[in-house]
Each structure stands twice: as structure tokens, then as C-alpha cells.
């Protein structure tokens, strides 16, 4: 299972969810869906914008977790 680690990068960049949503150009609701792991898909264009806004690589935002994701998400 692929897990989004947007919250980790937000903390490292000391950026709010609202600020990131504005920089990426998506709604807070859609960013929340991504951040909380409820998204079923992610456009490469959105991933590109997230990486630019957070000055990171895709691997900083995405993590493969083998097994039950509920064990790793806090």
C-alpha cells in the first residue's frame, strides 16, 4: 500500500495545510483527502505541484508500506 507523507513534509517546511493548498492550487478538502490517505488516485501533475511547493522529491511524499496501513498511520 502507498501511504502519503504530506504531514511530515509540512512539518519539516513549517507550512500550513492552507498555505500548501494555495500554492498547489487545490481545495483544502482535496488536500485533506490526500493528506489523510483517503485518495484512490493522484495525478502526476498534482504530485509535481506538491513537490515544487514543498521543495522535495516524490519519494519524500510517498511511501510503500507492506501490510496493514492502519498499523503505520497515526
PDB file of N, CA and C in Angstrom:
ATOM      1  N   UNK A   1       0.850  -1.171   0.000  1.00  0.00           N
ATOM      2  CA  UNK A   1       0.000   0.000   0.000  1.00  0.00           C
ATOM      3  C   UNK A   1       0.899   1.239   0.000  1.00  0.00           C
ATOM      4  N   UNK A   2       0.486   2.243  -0.745  1.00  0.00           N
ATOM      5  CA  UNK A   2       1.210   3.515  -0.805  1.00  0.00           C
ATOM      6  C   UNK A   2       0.590   4.471   0.219  1.00  0.00           C
ATOM      7  N   UNK A   3       1.439   5.073   1.035  1.00  0.00           N
ATOM      8  CA  UNK A   3       0.993   5.994   2.084  1.00  0.00           C
ATOM      9  C   UNK A   3       1.544   7.384   1.773  1.00  0.00           C
ATOM     10  N   UNK A   4       0.690   8.390   1.888  1.00  0.00           N
ATOM     11  CA  UNK A   4       1.112   9.782   1.683  1.00  0.00           C
ATOM     12  C   UNK A   4       1.726  10.325   2.973  1.00  0.00           C
ATOM     13  N   UNK A   5       2.830  10.993   2.849  1.00  0.00           N
ATOM     14  CA  UNK A   5       3.532  11.592   3.989  1.00  0.00           C
ATOM     15  C   UNK A   5       3.583  13.115   3.883  1.00  0.00           C
ATOM     16  N   UNK A   6       2.484  13.691   3.432  1.00  0.00           N
ATOM     17  CA  UNK A   6       2.420  15.151   3.284  1.00  0.00           C
ATOM     18  C   UNK A   6       2.590  15.832   4.632  1.00  0.00           C
ATOM     19  N   UNK A   7       2.008  15.250   5.677  1.00  0.00           N
ATOM     20  CA  UNK A   7       2.096  15.861   7.001  1.00  0.00           C
ATOM     21  C   UNK A   7       3.538  15.984   7.479  1.00  0.00           C
ATOM     22  N   UNK A   8       4.366  15.011   7.138  1.00  0.00           N
ATOM     23  CA  UNK A   8       5.782  15.050   7.527  1.00  0.00           C
ATOM     24  C   UNK A   8       6.479  16.213   6.841  1.00  0.00           C
ATOM     25  N   UNK A   9       6.240  16.356   5.536  1.00  0.00           N
ATOM     26  CA  UNK A   9       6.879  17.444   4.799  1.00  0.00           C
ATOM     27  C   UNK A   9       6.350  18.805   5.223  1.00  0.00           C
ATOM     28  N   UNK A  10       5.066  18.886   5.542  1.00  0.00           N
ATOM     29  CA  UNK A  10       4.519  20.157   6.047  1.00  0.00           C
ATOM     30  C   UNK A  10       5.223  20.566   7.339  1.00  0.00           C
ATOM     31  N   UNK A  11       5.434  19.618   8.217  1.00  0.00           N
ATOM     32  CA  UNK A  11       6.111  19.913   9.482  1.00  0.00           C
ATOM     33  C   UNK A  11       7.554  20.342   9.228  1.00  0.00           C
ATOM     34  N   UNK A  12       8.242  19.638   8.335  1.00  0.00           N
ATOM     35  CA  UNK A  12       9.639  19.991   8.033  1.00  0.00           C
ATOM     36  C   UNK A  12       9.759  21.374   7.424  1.00  0.00           C
ATOM     37  N   UNK A  13       8.774  21.747   6.617  1.00  0.00           N
ATOM     38  CA  UNK A  13       8.807  23.053   5.943  1.00  0.00           C
ATOM     39  C   UNK A  13       8.122  24.147   6.758  1.00  0.00           C
ATOM     40  N   UNK A  14       7.561  23.759   7.896  1.00  0.00           N
ATOM     41  CA  UNK A  14       6.832  24.700   8.755  1.00  0.00           C
ATOM     42  C   UNK A  14       5.777  25.456   7.942  1.00  0.00           C
ATOM     43  N   UNK A  15       4.993  24.667   7.195  1.00  0.00           N
ATOM     44  CA  UNK A  15       3.973  25.210   6.313  1.00  0.00           C
ATOM     45  C   UNK A  15       2.603  24.692   6.753  1.00  0.00           C
ATOM     46  N   UNK A  16       1.610  25.527   6.625  1.00  0.00           N
ATOM     47  CA  UNK A  16       0.252  25.108   6.977  1.00  0.00           C
ATOM     48  C   UNK A  16      -0.405  24.400   5.795  1.00  0.00           C
ATOM     49  N   UNK A  17      -1.437  23.644   6.090  1.00  0.00           N
ATOM     50  CA  UNK A  17      -2.204  22.967   5.049  1.00  0.00           C
ATOM     51  C   UNK A  17      -2.832  24.001   4.126  1.00  0.00           C
ATOM     52  N   UNK A  18      -3.316  25.078   4.687  1.00  0.00           N
ATOM     53  CA  UNK A  18      -3.932  26.147   3.895  1.00  0.00           C
ATOM     54  C   UNK A  18      -2.925  26.749   2.925  1.00  0.00           C
ATOM     55  N   UNK A  19      -1.720  27.027   3.409  1.00  0.00           N
ATOM     56  CA  UNK A  19      -0.680  27.600   2.566  1.00  0.00           C
ATOM     57  C   UNK A  19      -0.322  26.640   1.424  1.00  0.00           C
ATOM     58  N   UNK A  20      -0.203  25.355   1.738  1.00  0.00           N
ATOM     59  CA  UNK A  20       0.125  24.373   0.706  1.00  0.00           C
ATOM     60  C   UNK A  20      -0.994  24.284  -0.330  1.00  0.00           C
ATOM     61  N   UNK A  21      -2.233  24.257   0.116  1.00  0.00           N
ATOM     62  CA  UNK A  21      -3.370  24.183  -0.816  1.00  0.00           C
ATOM     63  C   UNK A  21      -3.345  25.366  -1.779  1.00  0.00           C
ATOM     64  N   UNK A  22      -3.040  26.547  -1.269  1.00  0.00           N
ATOM     65  CA  UNK A  22      -2.974  27.741  -2.111  1.00  0.00           C
ATOM     66  C   UNK A  22      -1.839  27.644  -3.121  1.00  0.00           C
ATOM     67  N   UNK A  23      -0.665  27.177  -2.672  1.00  0.00           N
ATOM     68  CA  UNK A  23       0.495  27.059  -3.563  1.00  0.00           C
ATOM     69  C   UNK A  23       0.272  26.019  -4.650  1.00  0.00           C
ATOM     70  N   UNK A  24      -0.402  24.940  -4.306  1.00  0.00           N
ATOM     71  CA  UNK A  24      -0.629  23.848  -5.255  1.00  0.00           C
ATOM     72  C   UNK A  24      -1.836  24.133  -6.150  1.00  0.00           C
ATOM     73  N   UNK A  25      -2.783  24.907  -5.636  1.00  0.00           N
ATOM     74  CA  UNK A  25      -3.966  25.234  -6.409  1.00  0.00           C
ATOM     75  C   UNK A  25      -5.054  24.171  -6.313  1.00  0.00           C
ATOM     76  N   UNK A  26      -5.155  23.534  -5.148  1.00  0.00           N
ATOM     77  CA  UNK A  26      -6.242  22.582  -4.912  1.00  0.00           C
ATOM     78  C   UNK A  26      -7.002  23.002  -3.660  1.00  0.00           C
ATOM     79  N   UNK A  27      -8.190  22.485  -3.519  1.00  0.00           N
ATOM     80  CA  UNK A  27      -9.004  22.864  -2.367  1.00  0.00           C
ATOM     81  C   UNK A  27      -8.469  22.214  -1.096  1.00  0.00           C
ATOM     82  N   UNK A  28      -8.810  22.813   0.031  1.00  0.00           N
ATOM     83  CA  UNK A  28      -8.436  22.218   1.317  1.00  0.00           C
ATOM     84  C   UNK A  28      -9.035  20.827   1.468  1.00  0.00           C
ATOM     85  N   UNK A  29     -10.257  20.652   0.971  1.00  0.00           N
ATOM     86  CA  UNK A  29     -10.915  19.342   1.060  1.00  0.00           C
ATOM     87  C   UNK A  29     -10.125  18.283   0.296  1.00  0.00           C
ATOM     88  N   UNK A  30      -9.706  18.607  -0.921  1.00  0.00           N
ATOM     89  CA  UNK A  30      -8.939  17.637  -1.706  1.00  0.00           C
ATOM     90  C   UNK A  30      -7.560  17.383  -1.107  1.00  0.00           C
ATOM     91  N   UNK A  31      -6.926  18.421  -0.582  1.00  0.00           N
ATOM     92  CA  UNK A  31      -5.629  18.224   0.061  1.00  0.00           C
ATOM     93  C   UNK A  31      -5.785  17.362   1.311  1.00  0.00           C
ATOM     94  N   UNK A  32      -6.849  17.558   2.041  1.00  0.00           N
ATOM     95  CA  UNK A  32      -7.125  16.750   3.227  1.00  0.00           C
ATOM     96  C   UNK A  32      -7.304  15.274   2.854  1.00  0.00           C
ATOM     97  N   UNK A  33      -7.992  15.019   1.754  1.00  0.00           N
ATOM     98  CA  UNK A  33      -8.173  13.642   1.279  1.00  0.00           C
ATOM     99  C   UNK A  33      -6.818  13.013   0.974  1.00  0.00           C
ATOM    100  N   UNK A  34      -5.952  13.757   0.312  1.00  0.00           N
ATOM    101  CA  UNK A  34      -4.605  13.254   0.023  1.00  0.00           C
ATOM    102  C   UNK A  34      -3.814  13.037   1.304  1.00  0.00           C
ATOM    103  N   UNK A  35      -3.835  14.032   2.169  1.00  0.00           N
ATOM    104  CA  UNK A  35      -3.044  14.016   3.397  1.00  0.00           C
ATOM    105  C   UNK A  35      -3.446  12.873   4.331  1.00  0.00           C
ATOM    106  N   UNK A  36      -4.733  12.584   4.370  1.00  0.00           N
ATOM    107  CA  UNK A  36      -5.228  11.566   5.292  1.00  0.00           C
ATOM    108  C   UNK A  36      -5.301  10.170   4.684  1.00  0.00           C
ATOM    109  N   UNK A  37      -4.773  10.028   3.475  1.00  0.00           N
ATOM    110  CA  UNK A  37      -4.691   8.708   2.868  1.00  0.00           C
ATOM    111  C   UNK A  37      -5.994   8.152   2.342  1.00  0.00           C
ATOM    112  N   UNK A  38      -6.961   9.002   2.071  1.00  0.00           N
ATOM    113  CA  UNK A  38      -8.243   8.532   1.568  1.00  0.00           C
ATOM    114  C   UNK A  38      -8.354   8.627   0.053  1.00  0.00           C
ATOM    115  N   UNK A  39      -7.321   9.166  -0.601  1.00  0.00           N
ATOM    116  CA  UNK A  39      -7.345   9.297  -2.054  1.00  0.00           C
ATOM    117  C   UNK A  39      -7.126   7.941  -2.709  1.00  0.00           C
ATOM    118  N   UNK A  40      -7.829   7.719  -3.796  1.00  0.00           N
ATOM    119  CA  UNK A  40      -7.681   6.469  -4.536  1.00  0.00           C
ATOM    120  C   UNK A  40      -6.743   6.653  -5.719  1.00  0.00           C
ATOM    121  N   UNK A  41      -6.449   7.901  -6.061  1.00  0.00           N
ATOM    122  CA  UNK A  41      -5.574   8.202  -7.190  1.00  0.00           C
ATOM    123  C   UNK A  41      -4.908   9.556  -6.955  1.00  0.00           C
ATOM    124  N   UNK A  42      -3.805   9.767  -7.655  1.00  0.00           N
ATOM    125  CA  UNK A  42      -3.080  11.032  -7.562  1.00  0.00           C
ATOM    126  C   UNK A  42      -2.542  11.352  -8.949  1.00  0.00           C
ATOM    127  N   UNK A  43      -2.935  12.474  -9.486  1.00  0.00           N
ATOM    128  CA  UNK A  43      -2.427  12.893 -10.796  1.00  0.00           C
ATOM    129  C   UNK A  43      -0.942  13.252 -10.671  1.00  0.00           C
ATOM    130  N   UNK A  44      -0.194  12.902 -11.693  1.00  0.00           N
ATOM    131  CA  UNK A  44       1.225  13.261 -11.694  1.00  0.00           C
ATOM    132  C   UNK A  44       1.402  14.773 -11.675  1.00  0.00           C
ATOM    133  N   UNK A  45       0.498  15.495 -12.290  1.00  0.00           N
ATOM    134  CA  UNK A  45       0.541  16.957 -12.278  1.00  0.00           C
ATOM    135  C   UNK A  45       0.414  17.484 -10.843  1.00  0.00           C
ATOM    136  N   UNK A  46      -0.476  16.886 -10.055  1.00  0.00           N
ATOM    137  CA  UNK A  46      -0.641  17.295  -8.655  1.00  0.00           C
ATOM    138  C   UNK A  46       0.594  16.931  -7.849  1.00  0.00           C
ATOM    139  N   UNK A  47       1.144  15.750  -8.084  1.00  0.00           N
ATOM    140  CA  UNK A  47       2.368  15.343  -7.396  1.00  0.00           C
ATOM    141  C   UNK A  47       3.502  16.305  -7.725  1.00  0.00           C
ATOM    142  N   UNK A  48       3.606  16.693  -8.978  1.00  0.00           N
ATOM    143  CA  UNK A  48       4.614  17.654  -9.411  1.00  0.00           C
ATOM    144  C   UNK A  48       4.467  18.980  -8.658  1.00  0.00           C
ATOM    145  N   UNK A  49       3.231  19.469  -8.556  1.00  0.00           N
ATOM    146  CA  UNK A  49       2.979  20.734  -7.859  1.00  0.00           C
ATOM    147  C   UNK A  49       3.281  20.621  -6.363  1.00  0.00           C
ATOM    148  N   UNK A  50       2.934  19.480  -5.758  1.00  0.00           N
ATOM    149  CA  UNK A  50       3.250  19.262  -4.341  1.00  0.00           C
ATOM    150  C   UNK A  50       4.755  19.285  -4.119  1.00  0.00           C
ATOM    151  N   UNK A  51       5.487  18.605  -5.000  1.00  0.00           N
ATOM    152  CA  UNK A  51       6.948  18.566  -4.873  1.00  0.00           C
ATOM    153  C   UNK A  51       7.563  19.955  -5.028  1.00  0.00           C
ATOM    154  N   UNK A  52       7.058  20.727  -5.966  1.00  0.00           N
ATOM    155  CA  UNK A  52       7.570  22.092  -6.162  1.00  0.00           C
ATOM    156  C   UNK A  52       7.273  22.962  -4.942  1.00  0.00           C
ATOM    157  N   UNK A  53       6.043  22.880  -4.438  1.00  0.00           N
ATOM    158  CA  UNK A  53       5.642  23.713  -3.300  1.00  0.00           C
ATOM    159  C   UNK A  53       6.397  23.343  -2.032  1.00  0.00           C
ATOM    160  N   UNK A  54       6.698  22.056  -1.867  1.00  0.00           N
ATOM    161  CA  UNK A  54       7.379  21.588  -0.647  1.00  0.00           C
ATOM    162  C   UNK A  54       8.885  21.415  -0.845  1.00  0.00           C
ATOM    163  N   UNK A  55       9.361  21.706  -2.058  1.00  0.00           N
ATOM    164  CA  UNK A  55      10.777  21.568  -2.393  1.00  0.00           C
ATOM    165  C   UNK A  55      11.293  20.180  -1.976  1.00  0.00           C
ATOM    166  N   UNK A  56      10.657  19.153  -2.562  1.00  0.00           N
ATOM    167  CA  UNK A  56      11.015  17.787  -2.207  1.00  0.00           C
ATOM    168  C   UNK A  56      10.903  16.872  -3.414  1.00  0.00           C
ATOM    169  N   UNK A  57      11.242  15.630  -3.235  1.00  0.00           N
ATOM    170  CA  UNK A  57      11.138  14.598  -4.253  1.00  0.00           C
ATOM    171  C   UNK A  57       9.871  13.777  -4.011  1.00  0.00           C
ATOM    172  N   UNK A  58       9.331  13.111  -5.048  1.00  0.00           N
ATOM    173  CA  UNK A  58       8.143  12.275  -4.851  1.00  0.00           C
ATOM    174  C   UNK A  58       8.322  11.239  -3.736  1.00  0.00           C
ATOM    175  N   UNK A  59       9.505  10.691  -3.604  1.00  0.00           N
ATOM    176  CA  UNK A  59       9.767   9.704  -2.554  1.00  0.00           C
ATOM    177  C   UNK A  59       9.665  10.272  -1.152  1.00  0.00           C
ATOM    178  N   UNK A  60       9.741  11.587  -1.026  1.00  0.00           N
ATOM    179  CA  UNK A  60       9.566  12.218   0.285  1.00  0.00           C
ATOM    180  C   UNK A  60       8.094  12.248   0.684  1.00  0.00           C
ATOM    181  N   UNK A  61       7.209  12.168  -0.313  1.00  0.00           N
ATOM    182  CA  UNK A  61       5.773  12.255  -0.071  1.00  0.00           C
ATOM    183  C   UNK A  61       5.076  10.907  -0.095  1.00  0.00           C
ATOM    184  N   UNK A  62       5.657   9.946  -0.796  1.00  0.00           N
ATOM    185  CA  UNK A  62       5.038   8.640  -0.970  1.00  0.00           C
ATOM    186  C   UNK A  62       5.899   7.564  -0.331  1.00  0.00           C
ATOM    187  N   UNK A  63       5.251   6.649   0.363  1.00  0.00           N
ATOM    188  CA  UNK A  63       5.974   5.547   0.991  1.00  0.00           C
ATOM    189  C   UNK A  63       5.206   4.255   0.764  1.00  0.00           C
ATOM    190  N   UNK A  64       5.919   3.202   0.364  1.00  0.00           N
ATOM    191  CA  UNK A  64       5.305   1.894   0.223  1.00  0.00           C
ATOM    192  C   UNK A  64       5.362   1.191   1.563  1.00  0.00           C
ATOM    193  N   UNK A  65       4.205   0.736   2.037  1.00  0.00           N
ATOM    194  CA  UNK A  65       4.114   0.029   3.311  1.00  0.00           C
ATOM    195  C   UNK A  65       3.548  -1.354   3.018  1.00  0.00           C
ATOM    196  N   UNK A  66       4.289  -2.376   3.388  1.00  0.00           N
ATOM    197  CA  UNK A  66       3.838  -3.750   3.186  1.00  0.00           C
ATOM    198  C   UNK A  66       2.983  -4.160   4.375  1.00  0.00           C
ATOM    199  N   UNK A  67       1.736  -4.512   4.124  1.00  0.00           N
ATOM    200  CA  UNK A  67       0.856  -4.925   5.205  1.00  0.00           C
ATOM    201  C   UNK A  67      -0.273  -3.944   5.428  1.00  0.00           C
ATOM    202  N   UNK A  68      -0.830  -3.984   6.639  1.00  0.00           N
ATOM    203  CA  UNK A  68      -1.982  -3.172   7.005  1.00  0.00           C
ATOM    204  C   UNK A  68      -1.550  -1.743   7.286  1.00  0.00           C
ATOM    205  N   UNK A  69      -2.055  -0.802   6.504  1.00  0.00           N
ATOM    206  CA  UNK A  69      -1.669   0.604   6.645  1.00  0.00           C
ATOM    207  C   UNK A  69      -2.105   1.178   7.991  1.00  0.00           C
ATOM    208  N   UNK A  70      -3.131   0.643   8.607  1.00  0.00           N
ATOM    209  CA  UNK A  70      -3.606   1.169   9.888  1.00  0.00           C
ATOM    210  C   UNK A  70      -2.553   1.004  10.977  1.00  0.00           C
ATOM    211  N   UNK A  71      -1.609   0.087  10.776  1.00  0.00           N
ATOM    212  CA  UNK A  71      -0.541  -0.106  11.761  1.00  0.00           C
ATOM    213  C   UNK A  71       0.484   1.011  11.724  1.00  0.00           C
ATOM    214  N   UNK A  72       0.598   1.706  10.561  1.00  0.00           N
ATOM    215  CA  UNK A  72       1.628   2.715  10.400  1.00  0.00           C
ATOM    216  C   UNK A  72       1.125   4.139  10.445  1.00  0.00           C
ATOM    217  N   UNK A  73      -0.167   4.336  10.278  1.00  0.00           N
ATOM    218  CA  UNK A  73      -0.727   5.679  10.276  1.00  0.00           C
ATOM    219  C   UNK A  73      -1.183   6.043  11.675  1.00  0.00           C
ATOM    220  N   UNK A  74      -0.686   7.183  12.140  1.00  0.00           N
ATOM    221  CA  UNK A  74      -1.082   7.600  13.488  1.00  0.00           C
ATOM    222  C   UNK A  74      -2.099   8.689  13.452  1.00  0.00           C
TER     223      UNK A  74
END
